C-alpha atoms as a PDB file:
ATOM      1  CA  UNK A   1       0.288   0.199   0.046  1.00  0.00           C
ATOM      2  CA  UNK A   2       1.156   3.508  -0.828  1.00  0.00           C
ATOM      3  CA  UNK A   3       1.826   5.597   1.722  1.00  0.00           C
ATOM      4  CA  UNK A   4      -0.263   8.799   1.383  1.00  0.00           C
ATOM      5  CA  UNK A   5       2.164  11.701   3.930  1.00  0.00           C
ATOM      6  CA  UNK A   6      -0.062  14.835   2.345  1.00  0.00           C
ATOM      7  CA  UNK A   7      -4.339  14.452   3.287  1.00  0.00           C
ATOM      8  CA  UNK A   8      -6.180  17.885   2.929  1.00  0.00           C
ATOM      9  CA  UNK A   9      -6.977  18.958   6.194  1.00  0.00           C
ATOM     10  CA  UNK A  10     -10.550  18.702   6.122  1.00  0.00           C
ATOM     11  CA  UNK A  11      -9.818  14.897   5.095  1.00  0.00           C
ATOM     12  CA  UNK A  12      -6.941  14.024   7.700  1.00  0.00           C
ATOM     13  CA  UNK A  13     -10.154  16.311  10.112  1.00  0.00           C
ATOM     14  CA  UNK A  14     -13.333  13.823   9.085  1.00  0.00           C
ATOM     15  CA  UNK A  15     -10.670  10.349   8.935  1.00  0.00           C
ATOM     16  CA  UNK A  16     -10.491  11.309  12.731  1.00  0.00           C
ATOM     17  CA  UNK A  17     -13.768  11.782  13.758  1.00  0.00           C
ATOM     18  CA  UNK A  18     -14.889   9.178  12.515  1.00  0.00           C
ATOM     19  CA  UNK A  19     -12.075   7.315  13.893  1.00  0.00           C
ATOM     20  CA  UNK A  20     -13.626   8.347  17.525  1.00  0.00           C
ATOM     21  CA  UNK A  21     -16.774   7.943  16.725  1.00  0.00           C
ATOM     22  CA  UNK A  22     -16.410   4.037  15.697  1.00  0.00           C
ATOM     23  CA  UNK A  23     -14.103   3.991  19.198  1.00  0.00           C
ATOM     24  CA  UNK A  24     -17.013   5.007  21.500  1.00  0.00           C
ATOM     25  CA  UNK A  25     -19.411   3.095  19.214  1.00  0.00           C
ATOM     26  CA  UNK A  26     -17.708   0.187  19.654  1.00  0.00           C
ATOM     27  CA  UNK A  27     -16.356   0.564  23.284  1.00  0.00           C
ATOM     28  CA  UNK A  28     -20.162   0.804  24.205  1.00  0.00           C
ATOM     29  CA  UNK A  29     -21.341  -2.259  22.264  1.00  0.00           C
ATOM     30  CA  UNK A  30     -18.331  -3.621  24.282  1.00  0.00           C
ATOM     31  CA  UNK A  31     -19.031  -2.774  27.728  1.00  0.00           C
ATOM     32  CA  UNK A  32     -23.013  -3.544  27.301  1.00  0.00           C
ATOM     33  CA  UNK A  33     -22.022  -7.502  25.540  1.00  0.00           C
ATOM     34  CA  UNK A  34     -19.329  -8.182  28.436  1.00  0.00           C
ATOM     35  CA  UNK A  35     -22.040  -7.060  32.412  1.00  0.00           C
ATOM     36  CA  UNK A  36     -24.641  -5.326  30.958  1.00  0.00           C
ATOM     37  CA  UNK A  37     -22.926  -2.390  32.393  1.00  0.00           C
ATOM     38  CA  UNK A  38     -24.332   0.708  30.325  1.00  0.00           C
ATOM     39  CA  UNK A  39     -28.067   0.923  32.677  1.00  0.00           C
ATOM     40  CA  UNK A  40     -30.438   1.370  31.333  1.00  0.00           C
ATOM     41  CA  UNK A  41     -30.932  -0.656  28.359  1.00  0.00           C
ATOM     42  CA  UNK A  42     -29.696  -4.203  27.679  1.00  0.00           C
ATOM     43  CA  UNK A  43     -27.510  -5.566  25.138  1.00  0.00           C
ATOM     44  CA  UNK A  44     -29.862  -7.633  22.207  1.00  0.00           C
ATOM     45  CA  UNK A  45     -29.441  -8.312  19.266  1.00  0.00           C
ATOM     46  CA  UNK A  46     -31.120  -5.693  17.029  1.00  0.00           C
ATOM     47  CA  UNK A  47     -29.263  -3.335  19.237  1.00  0.00           C
ATOM     48  CA  UNK A  48     -25.864  -5.691  18.609  1.00  0.00           C
ATOM     49  CA  UNK A  49     -26.094  -5.521  14.907  1.00  0.00           C
ATOM     50  CA  UNK A  50     -27.132  -1.736  14.819  1.00  0.00           C
ATOM     51  CA  UNK A  51     -23.941  -0.809  16.619  1.00  0.00           C
ATOM     52  CA  UNK A  52     -22.108  -3.251  14.750  1.00  0.00           C
ATOM     53  CA  UNK A  53     -23.334  -2.216  11.232  1.00  0.00           C
ATOM     54  CA  UNK A  54     -22.588   1.701  12.512  1.00  0.00           C
ATOM     55  CA  UNK A  55     -19.282   1.502  14.293  1.00  0.00           C
ATOM     56  CA  UNK A  56     -17.895  -0.649  10.507  1.00  0.00           C
ATOM     57  CA  UNK A  57     -19.265   1.999   8.530  1.00  0.00           C
ATOM     58  CA  UNK A  58     -17.596   4.226  10.737  1.00  0.00           C
ATOM     59  CA  UNK A  59     -14.834   2.934  10.384  1.00  0.00           C
ATOM     60  CA  UNK A  60     -14.851   2.108   6.981  1.00  0.00           C
ATOM     61  CA  UNK A  61     -15.382   6.304   6.477  1.00  0.00           C
ATOM     62  CA  UNK A  62     -12.326   7.025   8.240  1.00  0.00           C
ATOM     63  CA  UNK A  63      -9.857   5.223   6.236  1.00  0.00           C
ATOM     64  CA  UNK A  64     -11.109   5.973   3.120  1.00  0.00           C
ATOM     65  CA  UNK A  65     -10.692   9.183   4.364  1.00  0.00           C
ATOM     66  CA  UNK A  66      -7.142   8.839   5.928  1.00  0.00           C
ATOM     67  CA  UNK A  67      -6.427   6.409   3.062  1.00  0.00           C
ATOM     68  CA  UNK A  68      -5.013   4.073   5.917  1.00  0.00           C
ATOM     69  CA  UNK A  69      -7.394   0.586   6.341  1.00  0.00           C
ATOM     70  CA  UNK A  70      -4.787  -0.581   8.861  1.00  0.00           C
ATOM     71  CA  UNK A  71      -6.993   1.873  10.908  1.00  0.00           C
ATOM     72  CA  UNK A  72     -10.070  -1.905  10.998  1.00  0.00           C
ATOM     73  CA  UNK A  73      -8.055  -3.490  13.180  1.00  0.00           C
ATOM     74  CA  UNK A  74      -6.634  -0.496  14.976  1.00  0.00           C
ATOM     75  CA  UNK A  75      -9.791   0.830  16.421  1.00  0.00           C
ATOM     76  CA  UNK A  76     -11.267  -2.419  16.724  1.00  0.00           C
ATOM     77  CA  UNK A  77      -8.537  -3.430  19.044  1.00  0.00           C
ATOM     78  CA  UNK A  78      -8.333  -0.692  21.038  1.00  0.00           C
ATOM     79  CA  UNK A  79     -12.230   0.191  21.853  1.00  0.00           C
ATOM     80  CA  UNK A  80     -12.455  -3.814  22.858  1.00  0.00           C
ATOM     81  CA  UNK A  81      -9.200  -3.250  25.502  1.00  0.00           C
ATOM     82  CA  UNK A  82     -11.190  -0.498  26.685  1.00  0.00           C
ATOM     83  CA  UNK A  83     -14.264  -2.046  26.911  1.00  0.00           C
ATOM     84  CA  UNK A  84     -12.886  -5.207  28.691  1.00  0.00           C
ATOM     85  CA  UNK A  85     -10.874  -3.088  30.854  1.00  0.00           C
ATOM     86  CA  UNK A  86     -13.778  -1.100  31.901  1.00  0.00           C
ATOM     87  CA  UNK A  87     -15.680  -4.434  32.103  1.00  0.00           C
ATOM     88  CA  UNK A  88     -12.820  -5.742  34.885  1.00  0.00           C
ATOM     89  CA  UNK A  89     -12.825  -2.920  37.381  1.00  0.00           C
ATOM     90  CA  UNK A  90     -16.101  -3.024  36.876  1.00  0.00           C
ATOM     91  CA  UNK A  91     -16.052  -6.836  37.987  1.00  0.00           C
ATOM     92  CA  UNK A  92     -14.350  -5.517  40.930  1.00  0.00           C
ATOM     93  CA  UNK A  93     -15.238  -2.714  42.086  1.00  0.00           C
ATOM     94  CA  UNK A  94     -19.226  -3.796  42.349  1.00  0.00           C
ATOM     95  CA  UNK A  95     -18.789  -6.421  44.519  1.00  0.00           C
ATOM     96  CA  UNK A  96     -17.009  -3.686  47.174  1.00  0.00           C
ATOM     97  CA  UNK A  97     -20.964  -2.054  47.972  1.00  0.00           C
ATOM     98  CA  UNK A  98     -23.173  -4.382  46.453  1.00  0.00           C
ATOM     99  CA  UNK A  99     -22.269  -8.092  46.958  1.00  0.00           C
ATOM    100  CA  UNK A 100     -19.185  -9.041  49.093  1.00  0.00           C
ATOM    101  CA  UNK A 101     -19.589 -12.439  49.067  1.00  0.00           C
ATOM    102  CA  UNK A 102     -19.307 -12.589  45.008  1.00  0.00           C
ATOM    103  CA  UNK A 103     -15.801 -10.263  46.046  1.00  0.00           C
ATOM    104  CA  UNK A 104     -14.219 -13.635  47.704  1.00  0.00           C
ATOM    105  CA  UNK A 105     -15.907 -15.974  45.223  1.00  0.00           C
ATOM    106  CA  UNK A 106     -13.144 -17.682  42.567  1.00  0.00           C
ATOM    107  CA  UNK A 107     -13.957 -14.942  40.052  1.00  0.00           C
ATOM    108  CA  UNK A 108     -13.073 -12.172  42.805  1.00  0.00           C
ATOM    109  CA  UNK A 109      -9.595 -14.438  44.174  1.00  0.00           C
ATOM    110  CA  UNK A 110      -8.304 -14.381  40.680  1.00  0.00           C
ATOM    111  CA  UNK A 111      -9.004 -10.476  40.059  1.00  0.00           C
ATOM    112  CA  UNK A 112      -7.247  -9.554  43.198  1.00  0.00           C
ATOM    113  CA  UNK A 113      -4.427 -11.714  42.509  1.00  0.00           C
ATOM    114  CA  UNK A 114      -3.985 -10.645  39.243  1.00  0.00           C
ATOM    115  CA  UNK A 115      -3.661  -6.685  40.563  1.00  0.00           C
ATOM    116  CA  UNK A 116      -1.839  -7.796  43.587  1.00  0.00           C
ATOM    117  CA  UNK A 117       0.919  -9.789  41.214  1.00  0.00           C
ATOM    118  CA  UNK A 118      -0.178  -8.183  37.754  1.00  0.00           C
ATOM    119  CA  UNK A 119       3.454  -6.234  37.615  1.00  0.00           C
ATOM    120  CA  UNK A 120       6.810  -6.940  39.564  1.00  0.00           C
ATOM    121  CA  UNK A 121       8.463  -3.420  41.281  1.00  0.00           C
ATOM    122  CA  UNK A 122      10.778  -1.405  39.539  1.00  0.00           C
ATOM    123  CA  UNK A 123      14.191  -2.078  41.192  1.00  0.00           C
END
């Protein structure tokens, strides 16, 4: 693929806005799909299909505007990681206020151990 280093400013701006919107739509979809984090609506098949179609259209628009097809995997990976992070934090924080017994269950203990042992201390 050829590199297009000089794009018109309007095209760069349009591509950036579309990429950001696609990332937001995909993040909301992943967040809803993992744990129904975003009340009051539950994720249904129709909502999921509409969200995926909207995210794909936005990413295609961004990729065309920026002439960069790597937008497909970049937006999907970044938004999925952010949605997973929010779901994981929610899984650990929500029991602190509502369900203490869930915090000491198998999933809660694995999460606490992962946070405690996650990164080594710098020397």
